[in-house]
Amino acid sequence: MRAFDFSPLFRSTVGFDRVFDLIDSYAEQSNGYPPYNIERSDETHYRITLAVAGFAEKDLDVEVRDGVLTVTGKRDEPERSEDKGYLYQGIAGRAFERRFQLAEHVEVRNARLENGLLHVDLERLIPEEKKPRRIAINAPKIIEQKAA
């Protein structure tokens, strides 16, 4: 159940239903595991970093489909905590699925696992036709008429 009712906004907006769907999907995904950061290094480069301690490269899957980046993690055989004799187990190793909606023209460039952190590098590629262009201003030419 969502905390905010968007139905009054439907009466005065057109074409924003996708935005409302995104907000709904985010509310459903309020699970905080695994924790993550989203960084912006410049105008076109981004990085998503997920804390995936205990997961190996073979346990992780990074996929992009229809503008949604999905990172899933699942261990082949989870270690049983009762067999280990833990006094306290604070490192979660449960399966997860984390989704990120990508903006138009954002592409995944690289994914790497380093020191328990999964780094996913993204780049926004703006097509030439969408980049700003400078338009030259031409002054009107004055044609001189000779007196007859």
N, C-alpha and C. Protein backbone atom coordinates (compact mmCIF):
# COMPACT_ATOMS: atom_id res chain seq x y z
N MET A 1 0.84 -1.18 0.00
CA MET A 1 0.00 0.00 0.00
C MET A 1 0.88 1.24 0.00
N ARG A 2 0.57 2.17 -0.85
CA ARG A 2 1.38 3.37 -0.90
C ARG A 2 0.86 4.42 0.08
N ALA A 3 1.75 5.33 0.46
CA ALA A 3 1.41 6.33 1.45
C ALA A 3 0.76 7.57 0.83
N PHE A 4 0.85 7.71 -0.49
CA PHE A 4 0.33 8.91 -1.13
C PHE A 4 -0.60 8.50 -2.27
N ASP A 5 -1.76 9.14 -2.34
CA ASP A 5 -2.73 8.85 -3.39
C ASP A 5 -2.53 9.83 -4.54
N PHE A 6 -2.17 9.31 -5.72
CA PHE A 6 -1.90 10.14 -6.88
C PHE A 6 -3.15 10.47 -7.70
N SER A 7 -4.29 9.91 -7.37
CA SER A 7 -5.48 10.08 -8.21
C SER A 7 -5.88 11.55 -8.42
N PRO A 8 -5.75 12.46 -7.45
CA PRO A 8 -6.08 13.86 -7.76
C PRO A 8 -5.16 14.47 -8.83
N LEU A 9 -3.93 13.98 -8.91
CA LEU A 9 -3.00 14.50 -9.91
C LEU A 9 -3.34 14.03 -11.31
N PHE A 10 -4.00 12.88 -11.43
CA PHE A 10 -4.38 12.37 -12.75
C PHE A 10 -5.37 13.30 -13.45
N ARG A 11 -6.15 14.06 -12.67
CA ARG A 11 -7.15 14.95 -13.27
C ARG A 11 -6.52 16.15 -13.97
N SER A 12 -5.32 16.56 -13.53
CA SER A 12 -4.74 17.78 -14.08
C SER A 12 -3.40 17.55 -14.79
N THR A 13 -3.01 16.31 -15.00
CA THR A 13 -1.76 16.03 -15.69
C THR A 13 -2.00 15.05 -16.82
N VAL A 14 -1.17 15.15 -17.83
CA VAL A 14 -1.24 14.22 -18.96
C VAL A 14 0.17 13.73 -19.23
N GLY A 15 0.33 12.42 -19.31
CA GLY A 15 1.62 11.84 -19.66
C GLY A 15 2.57 11.61 -18.50
N PHE A 16 2.12 11.84 -17.27
CA PHE A 16 3.00 11.64 -16.12
C PHE A 16 2.74 10.30 -15.42
N ASP A 17 1.92 9.46 -15.99
CA ASP A 17 1.60 8.19 -15.36
C ASP A 17 2.84 7.32 -15.17
N ARG A 18 3.80 7.41 -16.06
CA ARG A 18 5.05 6.64 -15.93
C ARG A 18 5.83 7.10 -14.70
N VAL A 19 5.83 8.39 -14.44
CA VAL A 19 6.52 8.93 -13.26
C VAL A 19 5.86 8.38 -11.99
N PHE A 20 4.53 8.37 -11.98
CA PHE A 20 3.82 7.86 -10.81
C PHE A 20 4.10 6.37 -10.62
N ASP A 21 4.20 5.63 -11.72
CA ASP A 21 4.54 4.20 -11.63
C ASP A 21 5.93 4.01 -11.04
N LEU A 22 6.88 4.87 -11.43
CA LEU A 22 8.23 4.79 -10.88
C LEU A 22 8.24 5.03 -9.38
N ILE A 23 7.47 6.00 -8.95
CA ILE A 23 7.39 6.30 -7.51
C ILE A 23 6.78 5.11 -6.77
N ASP A 24 5.75 4.51 -7.34
CA ASP A 24 5.15 3.32 -6.74
C ASP A 24 6.15 2.17 -6.63
N SER A 25 6.91 1.93 -7.70
CA SER A 25 7.86 0.82 -7.68
C SER A 25 8.97 1.08 -6.67
N TYR A 26 9.35 2.34 -6.49
CA TYR A 26 10.37 2.66 -5.50
C TYR A 26 9.84 2.39 -4.09
N ALA A 27 8.59 2.74 -3.85
CA ALA A 27 8.00 2.51 -2.53
C ALA A 27 7.93 1.03 -2.21
N GLU A 28 7.68 0.19 -3.22
CA GLU A 28 7.64 -1.25 -3.01
C GLU A 28 9.03 -1.81 -2.70
N GLN A 29 10.07 -1.14 -3.15
CA GLN A 29 11.43 -1.62 -3.00
C GLN A 29 12.12 -0.94 -1.82
N SER A 30 11.41 -0.69 -0.76
CA SER A 30 11.96 0.05 0.36
C SER A 30 12.95 -0.76 1.19
N ASN A 31 13.15 -2.04 0.86
CA ASN A 31 14.14 -2.87 1.53
C ASN A 31 15.51 -2.22 1.40
N GLY A 32 16.24 -2.11 2.47
CA GLY A 32 17.52 -1.43 2.44
C GLY A 32 18.71 -2.33 2.20
N TYR A 33 18.48 -3.55 1.73
CA TYR A 33 19.59 -4.48 1.54
C TYR A 33 19.77 -4.78 0.06
N PRO A 34 20.94 -4.76 -0.44
CA PRO A 34 22.18 -4.30 0.18
C PRO A 34 22.27 -2.77 0.13
N PRO A 35 23.01 -2.19 1.05
CA PRO A 35 23.17 -0.72 0.98
C PRO A 35 23.95 -0.33 -0.27
N TYR A 36 23.69 0.89 -0.75
CA TYR A 36 24.35 1.32 -1.99
C TYR A 36 24.56 2.82 -1.97
N ASN A 37 25.45 3.28 -2.85
CA ASN A 37 25.70 4.70 -3.10
C ASN A 37 25.51 4.96 -4.58
N ILE A 38 25.07 6.17 -4.92
CA ILE A 38 25.04 6.60 -6.30
C ILE A 38 25.87 7.87 -6.37
N GLU A 39 26.92 7.84 -7.17
CA GLU A 39 27.84 8.98 -7.29
C GLU A 39 27.76 9.56 -8.69
N ARG A 40 28.03 10.86 -8.77
CA ARG A 40 28.13 11.54 -10.06
C ARG A 40 29.49 12.20 -10.12
N SER A 41 30.33 11.75 -11.06
CA SER A 41 31.69 12.29 -11.13
C SER A 41 31.78 13.51 -12.02
N ASP A 42 30.94 13.57 -13.06
CA ASP A 42 30.88 14.77 -13.91
C ASP A 42 29.52 14.77 -14.60
N GLU A 43 29.38 15.57 -15.63
CA GLU A 43 28.08 15.74 -16.30
C GLU A 43 27.54 14.46 -16.92
N THR A 44 28.42 13.54 -17.29
CA THR A 44 27.95 12.35 -18.02
C THR A 44 28.31 11.02 -17.37
N HIS A 45 29.07 11.01 -16.26
CA HIS A 45 29.53 9.76 -15.67
C HIS A 45 28.95 9.57 -14.26
N TYR A 46 28.46 8.35 -14.02
CA TYR A 46 27.86 7.99 -12.74
C TYR A 46 28.44 6.65 -12.29
N ARG A 47 28.31 6.39 -11.00
CA ARG A 47 28.73 5.09 -10.46
C ARG A 47 27.76 4.68 -9.37
N ILE A 48 27.30 3.44 -9.46
CA ILE A 48 26.50 2.84 -8.40
C ILE A 48 27.40 1.84 -7.70
N THR A 49 27.51 1.96 -6.37
CA THR A 49 28.33 1.07 -5.58
C THR A 49 27.44 0.34 -4.58
N LEU A 50 27.45 -0.99 -4.63
CA LEU A 50 26.66 -1.80 -3.71
C LEU A 50 27.60 -2.55 -2.78
N ALA A 51 27.25 -2.58 -1.49
CA ALA A 51 28.03 -3.33 -0.51
C ALA A 51 27.54 -4.78 -0.53
N VAL A 52 28.35 -5.65 -1.11
CA VAL A 52 27.98 -7.05 -1.29
C VAL A 52 29.00 -7.97 -0.61
N ALA A 53 29.32 -7.68 0.62
CA ALA A 53 30.30 -8.49 1.35
C ALA A 53 29.84 -9.94 1.41
N GLY A 54 30.76 -10.84 1.14
CA GLY A 54 30.46 -12.26 1.19
C GLY A 54 30.02 -12.86 -0.14
N PHE A 55 29.78 -12.04 -1.14
CA PHE A 55 29.38 -12.53 -2.45
C PHE A 55 30.59 -12.55 -3.38
N ALA A 56 30.72 -13.61 -4.15
CA ALA A 56 31.77 -13.71 -5.15
C ALA A 56 31.20 -13.28 -6.50
N GLU A 57 32.07 -13.10 -7.48
CA GLU A 57 31.63 -12.69 -8.82
C GLU A 57 30.61 -13.67 -9.39
N LYS A 58 30.79 -14.96 -9.14
CA LYS A 58 29.87 -15.96 -9.67
C LYS A 58 28.49 -15.89 -9.02
N ASP A 59 28.39 -15.25 -7.85
CA ASP A 59 27.12 -15.13 -7.14
C ASP A 59 26.31 -13.90 -7.56
N LEU A 60 26.90 -13.02 -8.35
CA LEU A 60 26.27 -11.75 -8.71
C LEU A 60 25.92 -11.73 -10.19
N ASP A 61 24.83 -11.03 -10.50
CA ASP A 61 24.40 -10.88 -11.89
C ASP A 61 23.97 -9.43 -12.10
N VAL A 62 24.50 -8.80 -13.14
CA VAL A 62 24.16 -7.43 -13.50
C VAL A 62 23.54 -7.48 -14.88
N GLU A 63 22.32 -6.93 -15.01
CA GLU A 63 21.59 -7.01 -16.27
C GLU A 63 20.85 -5.70 -16.53
N VAL A 64 20.81 -5.30 -17.79
CA VAL A 64 20.03 -4.12 -18.20
C VAL A 64 18.98 -4.59 -19.19
N ARG A 65 17.74 -4.23 -18.90
CA ARG A 65 16.63 -4.58 -19.80
C ARG A 65 15.59 -3.47 -19.75
N ASP A 66 15.26 -2.93 -20.90
CA ASP A 66 14.23 -1.89 -21.03
C ASP A 66 14.48 -0.71 -20.10
N GLY A 67 15.73 -0.28 -20.01
CA GLY A 67 16.05 0.89 -19.21
C GLY A 67 16.09 0.65 -17.72
N VAL A 68 16.12 -0.60 -17.29
CA VAL A 68 16.19 -0.92 -15.87
C VAL A 68 17.44 -1.75 -15.62
N LEU A 69 18.30 -1.25 -14.73
CA LEU A 69 19.49 -1.98 -14.31
C LEU A 69 19.09 -2.84 -13.11
N THR A 70 19.30 -4.14 -13.23
CA THR A 70 18.96 -5.07 -12.15
C THR A 70 20.22 -5.76 -11.68
N VAL A 71 20.48 -5.68 -10.38
CA VAL A 71 21.61 -6.37 -9.77
C VAL A 71 21.03 -7.41 -8.83
N THR A 72 21.38 -8.67 -9.07
CA THR A 72 20.90 -9.75 -8.21
C THR A 72 22.09 -10.48 -7.61
N GLY A 73 21.88 -10.98 -6.42
CA GLY A 73 22.90 -11.76 -5.74
C GLY A 73 22.29 -12.97 -5.09
N LYS A 74 22.89 -14.12 -5.34
CA LYS A 74 22.40 -15.35 -4.74
C LYS A 74 23.56 -16.32 -4.63
N ARG A 75 23.80 -16.78 -3.45
CA ARG A 75 24.86 -17.77 -3.24
C ARG A 75 24.36 -19.14 -3.65
N ASP A 76 25.27 -19.95 -4.16
CA ASP A 76 24.89 -21.30 -4.58
C ASP A 76 24.41 -22.13 -3.40
N GLU A 77 25.23 -22.23 -2.39
CA GLU A 77 24.85 -22.96 -1.19
C GLU A 77 25.12 -22.08 0.01
N PRO A 78 24.08 -21.49 0.57
CA PRO A 78 24.32 -20.63 1.73
C PRO A 78 24.85 -21.43 2.91
N GLU A 79 25.83 -20.85 3.57
CA GLU A 79 26.40 -21.52 4.74
C GLU A 79 25.40 -21.45 5.88
N ARG A 80 25.25 -22.52 6.56
CA ARG A 80 24.28 -22.58 7.65
C ARG A 80 24.92 -22.03 8.91
N SER A 81 24.28 -21.02 9.48
CA SER A 81 24.85 -20.35 10.65
C SER A 81 24.91 -21.27 11.86
N GLU A 82 23.98 -22.24 11.98
CA GLU A 82 24.01 -23.13 13.15
C GLU A 82 25.20 -24.09 13.08
N ASP A 83 25.71 -24.37 11.86
CA ASP A 83 26.88 -25.23 11.72
C ASP A 83 28.15 -24.50 12.11
N LYS A 84 28.18 -23.19 11.97
CA LYS A 84 29.37 -22.41 12.24
C LYS A 84 29.56 -22.10 13.71
N GLY A 85 28.49 -22.06 14.47
CA GLY A 85 28.58 -21.72 15.89
C GLY A 85 28.79 -20.23 16.12
N TYR A 86 28.12 -19.38 15.31
CA TYR A 86 28.25 -17.94 15.47
C TYR A 86 27.69 -17.51 16.83
N LEU A 87 28.38 -16.61 17.48
CA LEU A 87 27.83 -15.96 18.66
C LEU A 87 26.99 -14.77 18.25
N TYR A 88 27.40 -14.12 17.16
CA TYR A 88 26.64 -13.01 16.56
C TYR A 88 26.91 -13.01 15.07
N GLN A 89 25.87 -12.92 14.26
CA GLN A 89 26.04 -12.88 12.82
C GLN A 89 25.41 -11.59 12.29
N GLY A 90 26.26 -10.61 11.98
CA GLY A 90 25.79 -9.32 11.49
C GLY A 90 25.97 -9.12 10.01
N ILE A 91 26.72 -9.99 9.35
CA ILE A 91 26.93 -9.88 7.91
C ILE A 91 25.86 -10.71 7.22
N ALA A 92 24.98 -10.01 6.51
CA ALA A 92 23.89 -10.70 5.82
C ALA A 92 24.41 -11.31 4.53
N GLY A 93 23.96 -12.50 4.25
CA GLY A 93 24.36 -13.17 3.02
C GLY A 93 23.15 -13.62 2.24
N ARG A 94 22.02 -13.02 2.53
CA ARG A 94 20.77 -13.45 1.88
C ARG A 94 20.72 -12.98 0.42
N ALA A 95 19.89 -13.66 -0.34
CA ALA A 95 19.72 -13.30 -1.74
C ALA A 95 19.05 -11.93 -1.83
N PHE A 96 19.35 -11.21 -2.91
CA PHE A 96 18.76 -9.88 -3.09
C PHE A 96 18.56 -9.59 -4.56
N GLU A 97 17.72 -8.62 -4.82
CA GLU A 97 17.54 -8.07 -6.15
C GLU A 97 17.31 -6.57 -5.98
N ARG A 98 18.15 -5.78 -6.59
CA ARG A 98 18.06 -4.32 -6.51
C ARG A 98 17.91 -3.78 -7.92
N ARG A 99 16.92 -2.91 -8.12
CA ARG A 99 16.65 -2.35 -9.45
C ARG A 99 16.87 -0.85 -9.45
N PHE A 100 17.41 -0.36 -10.57
CA PHE A 100 17.63 1.07 -10.77
C PHE A 100 17.07 1.45 -12.12
N GLN A 101 16.18 2.43 -12.15
CA GLN A 101 15.62 2.94 -13.39
C GLN A 101 16.64 3.88 -14.01
N LEU A 102 17.06 3.60 -15.24
CA LEU A 102 18.04 4.43 -15.92
C LEU A 102 17.35 5.47 -16.78
N ALA A 103 17.89 6.66 -16.80
CA ALA A 103 17.36 7.72 -17.66
C ALA A 103 17.66 7.38 -19.12
N GLU A 104 17.00 8.09 -19.98
CA GLU A 104 17.21 7.89 -21.41
C GLU A 104 18.67 8.17 -21.77
N HIS A 105 19.26 7.37 -22.61
CA HIS A 105 20.63 7.48 -23.11
C HIS A 105 21.70 7.17 -22.05
N VAL A 106 21.35 6.55 -20.93
CA VAL A 106 22.33 6.13 -19.94
C VAL A 106 22.65 4.67 -20.18
N GLU A 107 23.95 4.38 -20.32
CA GLU A 107 24.39 3.01 -20.61
C GLU A 107 25.37 2.54 -19.56
N VAL A 108 25.33 1.23 -19.27
CA VAL A 108 26.28 0.62 -18.35
C VAL A 108 27.58 0.41 -19.09
N ARG A 109 28.67 0.89 -18.54
CA ARG A 109 29.98 0.79 -19.17
C ARG A 109 30.82 -0.33 -18.58
N ASN A 110 30.69 -0.59 -17.27
CA ASN A 110 31.60 -1.51 -16.61
C ASN A 110 30.99 -1.94 -15.29
N ALA A 111 31.30 -3.14 -14.86
CA ALA A 111 30.93 -3.62 -13.52
C ALA A 111 32.10 -4.43 -12.99
N ARG A 112 32.50 -4.11 -11.75
CA ARG A 112 33.61 -4.86 -11.16
C ARG A 112 33.42 -5.01 -9.65
N LEU A 113 33.91 -6.11 -9.13
CA LEU A 113 33.82 -6.42 -7.70
C LEU A 113 35.19 -6.18 -7.09
N GLU A 114 35.22 -5.33 -6.06
CA GLU A 114 36.49 -4.97 -5.45
C GLU A 114 36.30 -4.76 -3.95
N ASN A 115 36.98 -5.56 -3.14
CA ASN A 115 36.94 -5.43 -1.68
C ASN A 115 35.53 -5.46 -1.12
N GLY A 116 34.68 -6.34 -1.63
CA GLY A 116 33.32 -6.47 -1.12
C GLY A 116 32.36 -5.42 -1.64
N LEU A 117 32.80 -4.60 -2.58
CA LEU A 117 31.95 -3.57 -3.18
C LEU A 117 31.80 -3.85 -4.67
N LEU A 118 30.56 -3.82 -5.15
CA LEU A 118 30.30 -3.97 -6.57
C LEU A 118 30.13 -2.57 -7.15
N HIS A 119 31.02 -2.20 -8.07
CA HIS A 119 30.98 -0.89 -8.72
C HIS A 119 30.40 -1.07 -10.12
N VAL A 120 29.34 -0.31 -10.43
CA VAL A 120 28.74 -0.33 -11.76
C VAL A 120 28.88 1.09 -12.31
N ASP A 121 29.68 1.21 -13.37
CA ASP A 121 29.93 2.52 -13.97
C ASP A 121 28.94 2.76 -15.10
N LEU A 122 28.38 3.97 -15.11
CA LEU A 122 27.37 4.35 -16.09
C LEU A 122 27.82 5.61 -16.82
N GLU A 123 27.36 5.75 -18.05
CA GLU A 123 27.67 6.95 -18.82
C GLU A 123 26.43 7.39 -19.57
N ARG A 124 26.20 8.68 -19.54
CA ARG A 124 25.08 9.26 -20.30
C ARG A 124 25.62 9.72 -21.64
N LEU A 125 25.15 9.06 -22.69
CA LEU A 125 25.58 9.37 -24.05
C LEU A 125 24.49 10.17 -24.74
N ILE A 126 24.76 11.43 -24.99
CA ILE A 126 23.77 12.29 -25.63
C ILE A 126 24.01 12.25 -27.13
N PRO A 127 23.00 11.86 -27.91
CA PRO A 127 23.17 11.85 -29.37
C PRO A 127 23.41 13.26 -29.90
N GLU A 128 24.11 13.32 -31.01
CA GLU A 128 24.45 14.62 -31.61
C GLU A 128 23.22 15.48 -31.85
N GLU A 129 22.13 14.85 -32.30
CA GLU A 129 20.94 15.65 -32.61
C GLU A 129 20.26 16.23 -31.37
N LYS A 130 20.63 15.71 -30.17
CA LYS A 130 20.03 16.23 -28.93
C LYS A 130 20.95 17.21 -28.21
N LYS A 131 22.19 17.32 -28.67
CA LYS A 131 23.12 18.26 -28.04
C LYS A 131 22.76 19.68 -28.45
N PRO A 132 23.04 20.64 -27.57
CA PRO A 132 22.75 22.03 -27.94
C PRO A 132 23.63 22.47 -29.11
N ARG A 133 23.06 23.28 -29.99
CA ARG A 133 23.79 23.79 -31.14
C ARG A 133 23.77 25.31 -31.09
N ARG A 134 24.81 25.91 -31.56
CA ARG A 134 24.86 27.37 -31.66
C ARG A 134 24.36 27.74 -33.05
N ILE A 135 23.40 28.64 -33.08
CA ILE A 135 22.81 29.10 -34.32
C ILE A 135 23.38 30.48 -34.64
N ALA A 136 23.96 30.62 -35.81
CA ALA A 136 24.54 31.90 -36.21
C ALA A 136 23.41 32.88 -36.52
N ILE A 137 23.63 34.09 -36.07
CA ILE A 137 22.66 35.15 -36.34
C ILE A 137 23.17 35.94 -37.53
N ASN A 138 22.41 35.97 -38.57
CA ASN A 138 22.80 36.69 -39.78
C ASN A 138 22.13 38.05 -39.78
N ALA A 139 22.94 39.09 -39.96
CA ALA A 139 22.39 40.44 -40.05
C ALA A 139 21.78 40.62 -41.43
N PRO A 140 20.65 41.29 -41.51
CA PRO A 140 20.06 41.48 -42.84
C PRO A 140 20.94 42.37 -43.71
N LYS A 141 21.02 42.02 -44.95
CA LYS A 141 21.83 42.81 -45.87
C LYS A 141 21.00 43.99 -46.37
N ILE A 142 21.61 45.13 -46.38
CA ILE A 142 20.92 46.33 -46.86
C ILE A 142 21.31 46.53 -48.33
N ILE A 143 20.33 46.59 -49.14
CA ILE A 143 20.57 46.79 -50.58
C ILE A 143 20.40 48.26 -50.86
N GLU A 144 21.42 48.83 -51.38
CA GLU A 144 21.38 50.28 -51.71
C GLU A 144 20.78 50.44 -53.09
N GLN A 145 19.86 51.37 -53.16
CA GLN A 145 19.26 51.67 -54.45
C GLN A 145 19.86 52.98 -54.97
N LYS A 146 20.20 52.97 -56.22
CA LYS A 146 20.73 54.18 -56.83
C LYS A 146 19.58 55.07 -57.26
N ALA A 147 19.76 56.35 -57.08
CA ALA A 147 18.73 57.29 -57.50
C ALA A 147 18.70 57.38 -59.02
N ALA A 148 17.55 57.33 -59.57
CA ALA A 148 17.45 57.35 -61.03
C ALA A 148 17.34 58.72 -61.58
